[in-house]
Amino acid sequence: MTNAVSTMLRGRVVTVDTVVEDGVVVVEGDRISWVGPAGSASGQIPPHTGSTILPGLVDVHCHGGAGASFPDSGSGDLMTAVRHHRSRGTTTMLASLVSAPADRLIAQTSLLADLYHGGDIAGVHVEGPFLSLARCGAQDPNSLRAGDPGLLREILDAGRGAVKSMTLAPEIDGFVRIGDALREHGVLPSIGHTDADALTTRRGVEALGEGPISATHLFNGMPTWHHRAPGPVSECLAAAAKGRIVLELIGDGVHLADETVRAVFDLVGGERIALVSDAMAAAGMRDGRYRLGPLEVTVRGSVARLSLEGDDGGTDQDANPIAGGTSTVLDLVRRAVVNAGVPLAEAVRAGSSTPASLIGVGHEVGRLAPGFFADILVVDSAFEPEQVIRRGERTQREAASWRS
C-alpha cells in the first residue's frame, strides 16, 4: 500500500549541476513538473524546512540487504533487499549476482527477471563468472571459467531482457567474443576482477568498441597501481578522463580511503563516477555470519570478509578478503561530502544521474528535472532520510520507519 505525497516540496534542492539553496520541486502524478528557486514558484508554497532534496539514488552494483541476498535468496525474500535500499533513498537499482555454478546463475537470473518485469528493479548485474582467478576476491574460484558464449546465452535467455550489466576480466580467453555478445544484446560490459597489465586493459577497452563501459569497483579486485606496473587502474582512470568509461567506487572508508575517493573526483569528476554499495545481505543487519553466493562471510564491525577454513571469528579474520559492503548509496554520498570533501552536487551526480545514464535510464531517472519520474529523496542535515518518494508515491513501510 502506498500514500500519495505532497505535490510541492521545498528545501535545498540539488540539481544535476548546482545547488539551489531555497528551491521547490513540484510533483504531478508520477512525474516532476517544475523545479526552481522558491521565489519563482507559483501558487502557495510550503515553508522552508531546512531539508535537502535530492534525486532518488541509483545503485548499479548491489548484492542484497536486510538479510536477503540476490545470489542466494528465494523469490519470496528478494524484495526484502530492494525495500531496504529503497527506504534509504535508492529508488533505482540493479540486483547483482556473483560467480556460481551455471545452473545456479541461470536460476537466480530467472527469479530476478520477475522483479525486473514487475518494475521493482532496473535489471540484473552479473558479476562473473568470466573473471581472473588471481583476483577473484570474494568470488568462488571453483565457479570461474573462460569466456563461454553458450553460458552467456543461457543467462541472457533466463533474464528475458533483464540482464543489463556483466563484469568480466580483459585477460580471459574468449573476452572479445563475450564482449561482442554483450554489445549485441545491449548489455553493459564492466571491466573488473582482473589481473591484467595496462596494455591488456587498454586493448580490452578498445575491443569493446563504441558504447558505455564501466570499471567494476575501481582499485578493488585488481592490482595496486604501481609506477612501474600501472595495471588496469591507470588505464581506467585515463579512459574515464577521456569520457570513455565510468568508474565504480565503493567509497565506504573500508574498500577505499576517503583521500582516494577525493582524488578520483578531482581527476575525472562526478560525471564519470558511479558510487556503488556492493552491498550484501548484511547491509542493515547485525554483525554475524552470512552468505554471498557459494561462500560464507563473517561481518564484524559492519565489515564483511570471507570466512576461510579454520577461522574462529577472532583477529585473524581481519586479514581475509573483503566480501562486499554493508552501506547504501546514501551512506556513500554522505561520506563523499563529509569525509572526502567532495562538492555536494558532484557527489549526488555520482550517486544518481551518472549511474542512471550508464545503464540507459538517464532520460527518466536520476535528476530533479521536469518530465523525469518523481523519484525524490529528502534528507535532514545529517543526510538521514525524511522522505523517499518513488514514482510520486511513498510506501507505508517507509513512512512508518520515519516516524519511529
Protein backbone atom coordinates (compact mmCIF):
# COMPACT_ATOMS: atom_id res chain seq x y z
CA MET A 1 0.00 0.00 0.00
CA THR A 2 1.28 3.49 -0.83
CA ASN A 3 0.36 7.05 0.03
CA ALA A 4 0.42 9.87 -2.49
CA VAL A 5 2.90 12.52 -1.41
CA SER A 6 2.58 16.28 -1.36
CA THR A 7 2.75 17.83 -4.81
CA MET A 8 5.17 20.52 -3.67
CA LEU A 9 8.46 20.14 -1.75
CA ARG A 10 10.67 22.97 -0.54
CA GLY A 11 14.25 22.97 0.73
CA ARG A 12 17.81 22.97 -0.52
CA VAL A 13 17.43 21.39 -3.97
CA VAL A 14 20.32 19.53 -5.62
CA THR A 15 20.02 19.50 -9.39
CA VAL A 16 22.39 17.78 -11.78
CA ASP A 17 24.90 20.63 -11.80
CA THR A 18 24.10 23.04 -8.96
CA VAL A 19 22.53 23.52 -5.54
CA VAL A 20 19.51 25.81 -5.16
CA GLU A 21 19.65 26.88 -1.52
CA ASP A 22 15.92 27.68 -1.36
CA GLY A 23 14.20 25.68 -4.04
CA VAL A 24 10.92 23.98 -4.86
CA VAL A 25 10.13 20.69 -6.58
CA VAL A 26 6.58 20.25 -7.91
CA VAL A 27 5.20 16.75 -8.50
CA GLU A 28 2.19 15.91 -10.64
CA GLY A 29 1.24 12.25 -10.67
CA ASP A 30 4.37 10.15 -11.10
CA ARG A 31 6.43 12.93 -12.74
CA ILE A 32 8.21 16.11 -11.76
CA SER A 33 6.55 19.12 -13.36
CA TRP A 34 8.70 22.02 -12.13
CA VAL A 35 12.00 22.67 -10.33
CA GLY A 36 13.43 26.06 -9.46
CA PRO A 37 14.02 28.78 -6.88
CA ALA A 38 11.22 29.27 -4.35
CA GLY A 39 10.96 32.92 -5.38
CA SER A 40 9.95 31.86 -8.90
CA ALA A 41 7.42 29.21 -7.87
CA SER A 42 3.72 29.83 -8.43
CA GLY A 43 0.93 29.05 -6.01
CA GLN A 44 1.06 28.65 -2.25
CA ILE A 45 4.46 27.19 -1.43
CA PRO A 46 5.27 25.43 1.85
CA PRO A 47 7.71 26.92 4.36
CA HIS A 48 11.40 26.13 4.10
CA THR A 49 12.13 23.14 6.32
CA GLY A 50 15.92 23.09 6.26
CA SER A 51 15.83 19.76 4.45
CA THR A 52 17.86 18.87 1.37
CA ILE A 53 16.04 17.46 -1.66
CA LEU A 54 17.97 15.02 -3.83
CA PRO A 55 17.06 12.91 -6.83
CA GLY A 56 16.34 9.28 -5.98
CA LEU A 57 19.67 7.45 -5.88
CA VAL A 58 20.78 4.78 -8.36
CA ASP A 59 22.83 1.70 -7.42
CA VAL A 60 24.26 -0.35 -10.30
CA HIS A 61 26.10 -2.87 -8.08
CA CYS A 62 24.20 -4.35 -5.13
CA HIS A 63 24.04 -7.97 -3.92
CA GLY A 64 21.38 -7.58 -1.21
CA GLY A 65 20.49 -6.23 2.20
CA ALA A 66 18.33 -6.67 5.30
CA GLY A 67 19.32 -10.35 5.44
CA ALA A 68 18.29 -11.11 1.85
CA SER A 69 20.77 -11.97 -0.89
CA PHE A 70 20.17 -11.62 -4.62
CA PRO A 71 22.56 -14.51 -5.41
CA ASP A 72 21.01 -16.82 -2.79
CA SER A 73 17.51 -15.94 -1.60
CA GLY A 74 14.28 -17.40 -2.90
CA SER A 75 11.66 -15.36 -4.74
CA GLY A 76 9.76 -14.58 -1.53
CA ASP A 77 12.72 -12.81 0.09
CA LEU A 78 14.25 -10.84 -2.78
CA MET A 79 12.03 -7.79 -2.29
CA THR A 80 13.30 -7.53 1.31
CA ALA A 81 16.65 -6.33 -0.02
CA VAL A 82 15.01 -3.99 -2.52
CA ARG A 83 12.86 -2.42 0.20
CA HIS A 84 15.85 -1.92 2.49
CA HIS A 85 17.80 0.06 -0.07
CA ARG A 86 14.70 1.90 -1.24
CA SER A 87 13.98 3.03 2.33
CA ARG A 88 17.45 4.59 2.32
CA GLY A 89 16.84 6.52 -0.88
CA THR A 90 17.91 4.08 -3.62
CA THR A 91 14.89 4.27 -5.91
CA THR A 92 16.59 2.56 -8.89
CA MET A 93 18.90 -0.43 -8.63
CA LEU A 94 20.46 -3.37 -10.40
CA ALA A 95 20.42 -6.67 -8.50
CA SER A 96 23.90 -8.17 -8.64
CA LEU A 97 24.81 -11.86 -8.83
CA VAL A 98 28.22 -13.41 -8.15
CA SER A 99 30.10 -16.26 -9.80
CA ALA A 100 28.35 -19.56 -9.13
CA PRO A 101 27.71 -22.89 -10.87
CA ALA A 102 25.93 -22.39 -14.19
CA ASP A 103 22.59 -23.81 -13.06
CA ARG A 104 22.55 -21.51 -10.05
CA LEU A 105 23.35 -18.42 -12.10
CA ILE A 106 20.63 -19.25 -14.59
CA ALA A 107 18.03 -19.96 -11.89
CA GLN A 108 18.71 -16.75 -9.93
CA THR A 109 18.72 -14.67 -13.10
CA SER A 110 15.28 -16.05 -13.89
CA LEU A 111 13.97 -15.17 -10.41
CA LEU A 112 15.34 -11.65 -10.60
CA ALA A 113 13.85 -11.22 -14.07
CA ASP A 114 10.43 -11.40 -12.43
CA LEU A 115 11.34 -8.37 -10.27
CA TYR A 116 12.57 -6.55 -13.36
CA HIS A 117 9.43 -7.19 -15.35
CA GLY A 118 7.39 -6.17 -12.32
CA GLY A 119 9.17 -2.79 -12.24
CA ASP A 120 10.83 -3.35 -8.86
CA ILE A 121 14.45 -3.35 -10.12
CA ALA A 122 16.06 -1.80 -13.17
CA GLY A 123 17.76 -5.04 -14.15
CA VAL A 124 20.40 -7.60 -13.25
CA HIS A 125 24.17 -7.22 -12.98
CA VAL A 126 26.09 -10.48 -13.39
CA GLU A 127 29.49 -10.25 -11.67
CA GLY A 128 31.29 -13.18 -13.25
CA PRO A 129 31.98 -15.98 -13.89
CA PHE A 130 34.39 -14.78 -16.62
CA LEU A 131 36.91 -13.37 -14.15
CA SER A 132 40.56 -13.70 -13.16
CA LEU A 133 41.35 -16.48 -10.71
CA ALA A 134 44.23 -14.37 -9.35
CA ARG A 135 41.84 -11.53 -8.47
CA CYS A 136 38.69 -13.45 -7.61
CA GLY A 137 38.38 -11.76 -4.21
CA ALA A 138 35.07 -12.88 -2.71
CA GLN A 139 34.13 -14.77 -5.87
CA ASP A 140 34.04 -18.57 -5.75
CA PRO A 141 37.25 -19.71 -7.53
CA ASN A 142 35.65 -23.04 -8.44
CA SER A 143 32.96 -21.25 -10.45
CA LEU A 144 35.30 -19.15 -12.63
CA ARG A 145 35.78 -20.05 -16.27
CA ALA A 146 36.96 -18.77 -19.62
CA GLY A 147 34.56 -16.82 -21.78
CA ASP A 148 31.71 -19.15 -22.72
CA PRO A 149 29.23 -17.68 -25.24
CA GLY A 150 26.91 -20.63 -24.70
CA LEU A 151 26.61 -19.99 -20.97
CA LEU A 152 26.20 -16.29 -21.58
CA ARG A 153 23.35 -17.02 -23.99
CA GLU A 154 21.62 -19.19 -21.35
CA ILE A 155 21.95 -16.45 -18.73
CA LEU A 156 20.58 -13.82 -21.11
CA ASP A 157 17.70 -16.09 -22.12
CA ALA A 158 16.85 -16.68 -18.45
CA GLY A 159 16.82 -12.94 -17.88
CA ARG A 160 14.29 -12.23 -20.63
CA GLY A 161 15.83 -8.80 -21.18
CA ALA A 162 16.64 -8.17 -17.52
CA VAL A 163 20.43 -8.55 -17.71
CA LYS A 164 21.84 -5.05 -18.06
CA SER A 165 25.48 -5.41 -16.97
CA MET A 166 28.22 -8.04 -16.70
CA THR A 167 31.66 -7.87 -15.11
CA LEU A 168 34.48 -9.64 -16.95
CA ALA A 169 38.28 -9.60 -16.98
CA PRO A 170 40.02 -8.48 -20.22
CA GLU A 171 42.73 -11.18 -19.99
CA ILE A 172 40.38 -14.19 -20.03
CA ASP A 173 40.21 -16.45 -23.07
CA GLY A 174 37.18 -15.51 -25.11
CA PHE A 175 36.98 -11.91 -23.87
CA VAL A 176 36.35 -10.47 -27.34
CA ARG A 177 33.60 -13.00 -28.10
CA ILE A 178 31.86 -12.27 -24.81
CA GLY A 179 32.25 -8.52 -25.33
CA ASP A 180 30.75 -8.76 -28.82
CA ALA A 181 27.81 -10.78 -27.49
CA LEU A 182 27.18 -8.25 -24.71
CA ARG A 183 27.15 -5.40 -27.22
CA GLU A 184 24.82 -7.35 -29.50
CA HIS A 185 22.31 -7.71 -26.66
CA GLY A 186 22.71 -4.17 -25.30
CA VAL A 187 24.38 -5.31 -22.07
CA LEU A 188 26.91 -3.02 -20.36
CA PRO A 189 30.39 -4.59 -20.17
CA SER A 190 32.25 -3.81 -16.95
CA ILE A 191 35.97 -4.48 -16.51
CA GLY A 192 36.82 -5.94 -13.13
CA HIS A 193 38.25 -8.76 -11.01
CA THR A 194 41.23 -8.61 -13.32
CA ASP A 195 44.99 -9.17 -13.04
CA ALA A 196 45.63 -7.62 -16.46
CA ASP A 197 48.54 -5.30 -17.14
CA ALA A 198 47.95 -1.82 -18.51
CA LEU A 199 48.36 -2.78 -22.17
CA THR A 200 45.93 -5.69 -21.93
CA THR A 201 43.41 -3.45 -20.21
CA ARG A 202 43.76 -0.81 -22.92
CA ARG A 203 43.30 -3.37 -25.64
CA GLY A 204 40.27 -4.74 -23.83
CA VAL A 205 38.65 -1.31 -23.69
CA GLU A 206 39.40 -0.80 -27.39
CA ALA A 207 38.00 -4.23 -28.26
CA LEU A 208 34.67 -3.36 -26.66
CA GLY A 209 34.19 -0.67 -29.30
CA GLU A 210 31.60 2.08 -29.08
CA GLY A 211 29.11 2.23 -26.26
CA PRO A 212 29.20 2.60 -22.49
CA ILE A 213 31.77 0.73 -20.38
CA SER A 214 32.33 0.71 -16.65
CA ALA A 215 35.05 -0.40 -14.30
CA THR A 216 33.75 -2.66 -11.52
CA HIS A 217 34.72 -1.18 -8.12
CA LEU A 218 37.93 0.52 -9.28
CA PHE A 219 41.02 -0.37 -7.20
CA ASN A 220 39.27 -3.39 -5.64
CA GLY A 221 39.69 -6.77 -7.31
CA MET A 222 42.69 -5.61 -9.35
CA PRO A 223 46.44 -4.99 -8.84
CA THR A 224 47.62 -1.94 -6.92
CA TRP A 225 48.63 0.96 -9.17
CA HIS A 226 52.44 0.84 -9.11
CA HIS A 227 54.56 3.33 -11.02
CA ARG A 228 56.47 0.58 -12.84
CA ALA A 229 53.45 -1.70 -13.25
CA PRO A 230 50.39 0.56 -13.55
CA GLY A 231 47.97 -2.26 -14.33
CA PRO A 232 44.27 -1.64 -15.00
CA VAL A 233 43.88 1.29 -12.59
CA SER A 234 45.88 3.74 -14.69
CA GLU A 235 44.15 2.72 -17.90
CA CYS A 236 40.69 3.00 -16.37
CA LEU A 237 41.48 6.44 -14.95
CA ALA A 238 42.83 7.59 -18.31
CA ALA A 239 39.81 6.21 -20.16
CA ALA A 240 37.47 7.97 -17.72
CA ALA A 241 39.32 11.26 -18.21
CA LYS A 242 38.70 10.86 -21.95
CA GLY A 243 34.99 10.22 -21.37
CA ARG A 244 35.30 6.57 -22.42
CA ILE A 245 34.48 4.75 -19.19
CA VAL A 246 32.59 5.21 -15.90
CA LEU A 247 34.36 4.23 -12.70
CA GLU A 248 32.53 2.44 -9.90
CA LEU A 249 33.75 3.49 -6.44
CA ILE A 250 32.82 1.84 -3.14
CA GLY A 251 33.61 4.93 -1.09
CA ASP A 252 32.69 3.48 2.31
CA GLY A 253 36.02 4.01 4.09
CA VAL A 254 36.65 0.26 4.03
CA HIS A 255 37.12 -0.51 0.35
CA LEU A 256 38.69 2.89 -0.36
CA ALA A 257 40.29 5.63 1.70
CA ASP A 258 38.47 8.96 1.67
CA GLU A 259 41.53 10.59 0.11
CA THR A 260 41.38 8.12 -2.78
CA VAL A 261 37.73 8.98 -3.39
CA ARG A 262 38.52 12.70 -3.36
CA ALA A 263 41.44 12.22 -5.78
CA VAL A 264 39.30 10.35 -8.31
CA PHE A 265 36.60 13.02 -8.14
CA ASP A 266 39.26 15.68 -8.66
CA LEU A 267 40.67 13.78 -11.64
CA VAL A 268 37.51 12.84 -13.57
CA GLY A 269 34.50 14.44 -11.85
CA GLY A 270 31.15 13.03 -10.83
CA GLU A 271 30.07 12.67 -14.46
CA ARG A 272 32.46 9.71 -14.81
CA ILE A 273 31.93 8.13 -11.37
CA ALA A 274 29.19 5.81 -10.11
CA LEU A 275 29.09 5.40 -6.35
CA VAL A 276 28.07 1.78 -5.71
CA SER A 277 27.22 -0.01 -2.48
CA ASP A 278 28.37 -3.52 -3.48
CA ALA A 279 26.12 -4.33 -0.51
CA MET A 280 25.48 -7.90 0.52
CA ALA A 281 22.87 -9.46 2.80
CA ALA A 282 24.37 -7.94 5.97
CA ALA A 283 23.57 -4.36 4.92
CA GLY A 284 21.24 -3.01 7.60
CA MET A 285 21.82 -6.07 9.81
CA ARG A 286 23.84 -7.00 12.90
CA ASP A 287 27.31 -8.49 12.75
CA GLY A 288 27.35 -12.24 12.19
CA ARG A 289 27.60 -14.97 9.54
CA TYR A 290 26.05 -14.54 6.10
CA ARG A 291 26.37 -16.00 2.60
CA LEU A 292 27.47 -14.45 -0.67
CA GLY A 293 26.78 -16.97 -3.39
CA PRO A 294 28.57 -20.24 -2.59
CA LEU A 295 30.82 -18.59 0.04
CA GLU A 296 30.38 -17.87 3.74
CA VAL A 297 31.00 -14.34 5.00
CA THR A 298 31.67 -13.03 8.51
CA VAL A 299 30.64 -9.47 9.33
CA ARG A 300 32.32 -7.72 12.25
CA GLY A 301 32.16 -4.02 12.92
CA SER A 302 29.98 -3.78 9.78
CA VAL A 303 32.92 -5.01 7.67
CA ALA A 304 32.21 -8.13 5.62
CA ARG A 305 35.07 -10.58 4.99
CA LEU A 306 35.27 -14.10 3.62
CA SER A 307 35.13 -16.83 6.26
CA LEU A 308 38.06 -19.10 5.48
CA GLU A 309 38.55 -22.64 6.72
CA GLY A 310 39.85 -22.63 10.30
CA ASP A 311 38.57 -19.14 11.14
CA ASP A 312 37.44 -18.80 14.74
CA GLY A 313 35.96 -15.33 14.35
CA GLY A 314 38.99 -13.78 16.06
CA THR A 315 41.51 -11.20 14.90
CA ASP A 316 42.93 -13.49 12.20
CA GLN A 317 39.75 -12.92 10.21
CA ASP A 318 40.78 -9.27 9.67
CA ALA A 319 43.28 -10.40 7.02
CA ASN A 320 40.64 -12.21 4.94
CA PRO A 321 39.41 -10.70 1.66
CA ILE A 322 36.66 -8.08 1.87
CA ALA A 323 33.37 -9.65 0.76
CA GLY A 324 31.07 -6.85 -0.38
CA GLY A 325 29.75 -3.85 1.52
CA THR A 326 27.19 -3.09 4.20
CA SER A 327 26.40 0.50 3.19
CA THR A 328 23.86 2.13 0.89
CA VAL A 329 24.48 4.69 -1.83
CA LEU A 330 23.19 7.40 0.53
CA ASP A 331 25.92 6.43 3.01
CA LEU A 332 28.48 6.83 0.23
CA VAL A 333 27.15 10.22 -0.86
CA ARG A 334 27.27 11.41 2.75
CA ARG A 335 30.81 10.14 3.23
CA ALA A 336 32.00 11.66 -0.04
CA VAL A 337 30.73 15.07 1.08
CA VAL A 338 31.51 14.97 4.81
CA ASN A 339 34.72 12.91 4.91
CA ALA A 340 36.24 13.29 1.45
CA GLY A 341 35.24 16.92 0.88
CA VAL A 342 33.56 16.29 -2.48
CA PRO A 343 31.17 19.10 -3.50
CA LEU A 344 27.55 18.11 -2.82
CA ALA A 345 26.36 18.40 -6.42
CA GLU A 346 29.25 16.23 -7.65
CA ALA A 347 28.67 13.53 -5.04
CA VAL A 348 24.94 13.45 -5.78
CA ARG A 349 25.62 13.25 -9.51
CA ALA A 350 27.82 10.19 -8.91
CA GLY A 351 25.00 8.62 -6.89
CA SER A 352 22.20 9.39 -9.33
CA SER A 353 22.47 10.78 -12.87
CA THR A 354 25.79 9.15 -13.83
CA PRO A 355 24.80 5.58 -12.92
CA ALA A 356 21.32 6.17 -14.41
CA SER A 357 22.83 7.18 -17.74
CA LEU A 358 25.29 4.29 -17.56
CA ILE A 359 22.50 1.70 -17.60
CA GLY A 360 20.36 3.53 -20.13
CA VAL A 361 17.69 5.06 -17.91
CA GLY A 362 19.19 8.53 -17.56
CA HIS A 363 16.41 10.07 -19.65
CA GLU A 364 13.81 9.47 -16.91
CA VAL A 365 15.52 8.88 -13.54
CA GLY A 366 18.49 10.30 -11.65
CA ARG A 367 17.65 14.01 -11.92
CA LEU A 368 15.34 16.56 -10.41
CA ALA A 369 14.04 17.96 -13.69
CA PRO A 370 10.67 18.44 -15.37
CA GLY A 371 9.45 15.31 -17.14
CA PHE A 372 11.55 12.94 -15.05
CA PHE A 373 9.97 10.36 -12.77
CA ALA A 374 9.18 11.76 -9.33
CA ASP A 375 11.92 9.73 -7.62
CA ILE A 376 12.95 12.01 -4.78
CA LEU A 377 14.94 11.70 -1.58
CA VAL A 378 14.51 14.28 1.18
CA VAL A 379 17.23 14.21 3.86
CA ASP A 380 17.98 16.13 7.03
CA SER A 381 21.21 17.91 7.92
CA ALA A 382 22.84 14.56 8.83
CA PHE A 383 21.87 13.02 5.47
CA GLU A 384 19.25 10.82 7.13
CA PRO A 385 16.11 10.14 5.06
CA GLU A 386 12.99 12.14 5.92
CA GLN A 387 11.04 11.09 2.83
CA VAL A 388 11.66 8.66 0.00
CA ILE A 389 9.36 9.17 -2.95
CA ARG A 390 9.28 6.75 -5.87
CA ARG A 391 7.14 7.40 -8.93
CA GLY A 392 5.36 10.10 -6.95
CA GLU A 393 4.40 7.88 -4.02
CA ARG A 394 5.71 6.96 -0.59
CA THR A 395 5.17 3.50 0.86
CA GLN A 396 3.51 2.87 4.20
CA ARG A 397 6.53 0.93 5.44
CA GLU A 398 8.85 3.82 4.71
CA ALA A 399 6.52 6.30 6.39
CA ALA A 400 6.31 4.11 9.49
CA SER A 401 10.08 3.84 9.73
CA TRP A 402 10.47 7.61 9.61
CA ARG A 403 8.01 8.05 12.49
CA SER A 404 9.82 5.56 14.71
